[in-house]
């Protein structure tokens, strides 16, 4: 699946990609991106020449029949792992899963906003991304997406052609920078630095508040 979908998607949408040299070819790395559309988790793996693991709603892996099998194959083939977002312990479990992925030297994709922006603004980042970076001691590559919201707008069931740009910023290294700094403060400062880098790439207006997940997000 991973050998077929990315080349096909690039041929159809022909995304503009900048800064790909900022993504390490090997070793653990976090790709922290803004979140505009459901398809973001397909677009990023399609342009990065190495496997990128994202978490996806467990609902996508629980379908039955032929449709359910095809859906599971699609998401698993792109390297996505299921997470139950309605479970009160899901947040902690997802962090453990992410650390396991990074511990294996892989790339992990994350949206610090928590869920997709429904009004185009960039929402405040949650500190899980900083926890991962500080715990795993790996670099964070900020990612700015533009145009993906036009591929499959909120409420639409089928994708459409749209002009998409994916820009990767310079890696943010945190190892050794926060020795002796209280953990909460370190996580907040790292997260704010990551979000500032994402905003510089995406050009979005900062919302200044957290993004609450919509029932169907």
Protein backbone atom coordinates (compact mmCIF):
# COMPACT_ATOMS: atom_id res chain seq x y z
CA UNK A 1 0.00 0.00 0.00
CA UNK A 2 2.75 2.45 0.94
CA UNK A 3 4.59 1.77 -2.30
CA UNK A 4 1.48 2.51 -4.39
CA UNK A 5 -0.49 5.30 -2.66
CA UNK A 6 2.21 8.02 -2.31
CA UNK A 7 3.32 8.03 -5.99
CA UNK A 8 -0.33 7.95 -7.13
CA UNK A 9 -1.32 10.79 -4.80
CA UNK A 10 1.65 12.91 -5.89
CA UNK A 11 0.71 12.35 -9.53
CA UNK A 12 -2.90 13.42 -8.96
CA UNK A 13 -2.43 16.40 -6.62
CA UNK A 14 1.12 17.44 -7.55
CA UNK A 15 1.82 19.10 -4.17
CA UNK A 16 4.45 21.79 -3.81
CA UNK A 17 7.01 20.54 -1.30
CA UNK A 18 9.66 22.70 0.33
CA UNK A 19 12.34 21.97 2.93
CA UNK A 20 12.25 18.19 2.60
CA UNK A 21 15.99 18.17 3.30
CA UNK A 22 15.12 19.17 6.88
CA UNK A 23 13.63 15.72 7.54
CA UNK A 24 16.34 13.32 8.78
CA UNK A 25 16.64 10.27 6.58
CA UNK A 26 17.09 7.97 9.57
CA UNK A 27 16.58 7.98 13.31
CA UNK A 28 13.70 9.08 15.52
CA UNK A 29 12.04 12.37 14.59
CA UNK A 30 8.73 14.08 15.31
CA UNK A 31 6.89 15.80 12.47
CA UNK A 32 4.68 18.40 14.14
CA UNK A 33 2.11 19.89 11.78
CA UNK A 34 -0.84 22.21 11.67
CA UNK A 35 -4.09 20.35 11.07
CA UNK A 36 -6.48 21.53 8.36
CA UNK A 37 -8.11 18.37 7.04
CA UNK A 38 -8.69 14.67 7.48
CA UNK A 39 -6.33 14.07 4.55
CA UNK A 40 -3.32 15.68 6.29
CA UNK A 41 -2.31 12.26 7.61
CA UNK A 42 -2.20 10.99 4.03
CA UNK A 43 -0.52 14.03 2.46
CA UNK A 44 2.49 14.11 4.79
CA UNK A 45 3.43 10.41 4.41
CA UNK A 46 2.97 10.78 0.65
CA UNK A 47 5.71 13.42 0.35
CA UNK A 48 8.18 12.17 2.96
CA UNK A 49 10.57 9.49 1.59
CA UNK A 50 10.42 7.50 4.82
CA UNK A 51 7.62 5.92 6.81
CA UNK A 52 5.71 8.34 9.03
CA UNK A 53 3.45 6.89 11.73
CA UNK A 54 0.26 8.74 12.69
CA UNK A 55 -2.46 7.83 15.16
CA UNK A 56 -5.99 7.45 13.77
CA UNK A 57 -9.40 7.00 15.37
CA UNK A 58 -9.96 3.36 16.29
CA UNK A 59 -13.34 3.57 14.50
CA UNK A 60 -11.46 3.41 11.19
CA UNK A 61 -10.13 -0.03 12.10
CA UNK A 62 -13.38 -1.55 13.35
CA UNK A 63 -15.52 -1.74 10.20
CA UNK A 64 -16.98 -5.02 9.07
CA UNK A 65 -17.28 -6.76 5.73
CA UNK A 66 -15.35 -5.91 2.59
CA UNK A 67 -15.53 -2.15 3.20
CA UNK A 68 -14.16 -2.56 6.73
CA UNK A 69 -11.33 -4.79 5.54
CA UNK A 70 -10.38 -2.34 2.79
CA UNK A 71 -10.47 0.56 5.24
CA UNK A 72 -8.26 -1.26 7.74
CA UNK A 73 -5.84 -2.16 4.99
CA UNK A 74 -5.69 1.45 3.79
CA UNK A 75 -4.90 2.93 7.20
CA UNK A 76 -2.56 0.15 8.30
CA UNK A 77 -0.78 0.27 4.95
CA UNK A 78 -0.02 3.95 5.42
CA UNK A 79 1.50 3.24 8.83
CA UNK A 80 -1.38 4.50 10.97
CA UNK A 81 -2.09 3.08 14.41
CA UNK A 82 -5.53 3.01 16.11
CA UNK A 83 -6.32 5.01 19.23
CA UNK A 84 -9.63 5.24 21.11
CA UNK A 85 -10.09 8.97 21.60
CA UNK A 86 -13.22 8.45 23.72
CA UNK A 87 -11.27 6.48 26.31
CA UNK A 88 -10.29 8.67 29.27
CA UNK A 89 -6.87 7.02 29.28
CA UNK A 90 -6.37 7.39 25.52
CA UNK A 91 -4.14 10.46 25.77
CA UNK A 92 -1.62 8.69 28.00
CA UNK A 93 -1.81 5.53 25.92
CA UNK A 94 -1.17 7.48 22.72
CA UNK A 95 1.94 9.07 24.23
CA UNK A 96 3.24 5.63 25.18
CA UNK A 97 2.56 4.42 21.64
CA UNK A 98 4.39 7.42 20.19
CA UNK A 99 7.40 6.85 22.44
CA UNK A 100 7.50 3.21 21.35
CA UNK A 101 7.52 4.32 17.69
CA UNK A 102 10.31 6.81 18.34
CA UNK A 103 12.20 4.21 20.37
CA UNK A 104 12.31 2.06 17.23
CA UNK A 105 13.99 4.90 15.34
CA UNK A 106 10.92 5.80 13.28
CA UNK A 107 9.24 9.09 12.36
CA UNK A 108 6.08 10.03 14.26
CA UNK A 109 3.55 12.57 13.01
CA UNK A 110 1.51 14.66 15.42
CA UNK A 111 -0.88 17.63 15.41
CA UNK A 112 -0.18 19.72 18.53
CA UNK A 113 -3.53 21.52 18.08
CA UNK A 114 -5.20 18.22 18.97
CA UNK A 115 -7.80 18.31 16.22
CA UNK A 116 -8.28 20.02 12.88
CA UNK A 117 -8.99 23.73 12.64
CA UNK A 118 -12.49 24.36 11.37
CA UNK A 119 -12.04 28.11 10.85
CA UNK A 120 -8.54 28.26 9.36
CA UNK A 121 -6.83 29.70 12.43
CA UNK A 122 -3.87 28.05 14.18
CA UNK A 123 -4.84 26.98 17.68
CA UNK A 124 -2.66 26.79 20.76
CA UNK A 125 -0.50 23.68 20.97
CA UNK A 126 -0.98 21.04 23.62
CA UNK A 127 2.17 19.99 25.41
CA UNK A 128 2.18 16.30 24.45
CA UNK A 129 4.51 17.05 21.53
CA UNK A 130 7.05 18.60 23.91
CA UNK A 131 6.76 15.66 26.29
CA UNK A 132 7.64 13.33 23.42
CA UNK A 133 10.59 15.42 22.27
CA UNK A 134 12.02 15.88 25.77
CA UNK A 135 11.52 12.22 26.74
CA UNK A 136 12.76 10.69 23.50
CA UNK A 137 15.53 13.27 23.04
CA UNK A 138 14.74 13.55 19.33
CA UNK A 139 14.39 16.56 17.02
CA UNK A 140 11.06 18.08 16.03
CA UNK A 141 10.53 19.14 12.43
CA UNK A 142 7.72 21.73 12.13
CA UNK A 143 5.40 21.27 9.15
CA UNK A 144 3.18 23.87 7.52
CA UNK A 145 0.28 22.65 5.36
CA UNK A 146 -1.77 24.89 3.10
CA UNK A 147 -4.56 23.87 0.77
CA UNK A 148 -5.37 20.46 2.24
CA UNK A 149 -8.65 21.82 3.58
CA UNK A 150 -9.73 22.20 -0.06
CA UNK A 151 -9.09 18.53 -0.93
CA UNK A 152 -11.84 17.32 1.36
CA UNK A 153 -13.68 20.22 3.05
CA UNK A 154 -15.53 19.57 6.30
CA UNK A 155 -18.78 17.80 5.47
CA UNK A 156 -17.71 16.47 2.05
CA UNK A 157 -17.49 12.74 1.39
CA UNK A 158 -15.24 12.70 -1.69
CA UNK A 159 -11.81 14.27 -2.28
CA UNK A 160 -11.28 16.85 -5.01
CA UNK A 161 -8.31 18.40 -6.79
CA UNK A 162 -6.71 21.32 -4.96
CA UNK A 163 -3.41 23.20 -4.82
CA UNK A 164 -1.47 21.89 -1.82
CA UNK A 165 1.79 23.08 -0.29
CA UNK A 166 3.79 21.16 2.32
CA UNK A 167 6.71 22.99 3.90
CA UNK A 168 9.17 21.50 6.38
CA UNK A 169 11.03 23.84 8.70
CA UNK A 170 14.44 23.46 10.29
CA UNK A 171 14.62 20.83 13.04
CA UNK A 172 14.11 22.02 16.60
CA UNK A 173 16.53 20.32 19.00
CA UNK A 174 15.66 20.26 22.71
CA UNK A 175 18.24 17.87 24.18
CA UNK A 176 20.19 19.54 26.97
CA UNK A 177 18.43 22.88 26.62
CA UNK A 178 16.08 22.43 29.55
CA UNK A 179 18.23 20.67 32.13
CA UNK A 180 17.15 21.88 35.56
CA UNK A 181 14.03 23.62 34.22
CA UNK A 182 10.73 22.53 35.84
CA UNK A 183 9.05 19.95 33.59
CA UNK A 184 5.81 21.90 33.14
CA UNK A 185 7.61 25.07 32.14
CA UNK A 186 9.91 23.19 29.76
CA UNK A 187 6.98 21.49 28.01
CA UNK A 188 5.14 24.79 27.61
CA UNK A 189 8.16 26.65 26.22
CA UNK A 190 9.03 23.87 23.77
CA UNK A 191 5.43 23.63 22.58
CA UNK A 192 5.19 27.39 22.05
CA UNK A 193 8.44 27.34 20.07
CA UNK A 194 7.12 24.55 17.87
CA UNK A 195 3.81 26.33 17.27
CA UNK A 196 5.60 29.58 16.37
CA UNK A 197 7.63 27.67 13.78
CA UNK A 198 4.49 26.05 12.35
CA UNK A 199 2.77 29.44 12.16
CA UNK A 200 5.71 30.92 10.28
CA UNK A 201 5.38 28.13 7.70
CA UNK A 202 1.59 28.08 7.36
CA UNK A 203 0.92 31.81 7.67
CA UNK A 204 -2.22 31.15 9.72
CA UNK A 205 -3.71 33.63 12.14
CA UNK A 206 -2.99 32.47 15.73
CA UNK A 207 -6.22 31.75 17.61
CA UNK A 208 -4.61 32.16 21.03
CA UNK A 209 -6.85 29.47 22.56
CA UNK A 210 -7.11 25.69 22.54
CA UNK A 211 -9.20 23.96 19.89
CA UNK A 212 -12.07 21.93 21.33
CA UNK A 213 -12.79 18.73 19.42
CA UNK A 214 -16.09 18.73 17.57
CA UNK A 215 -18.25 15.59 18.01
CA UNK A 216 -17.44 14.37 14.48
CA UNK A 217 -13.81 15.57 14.28
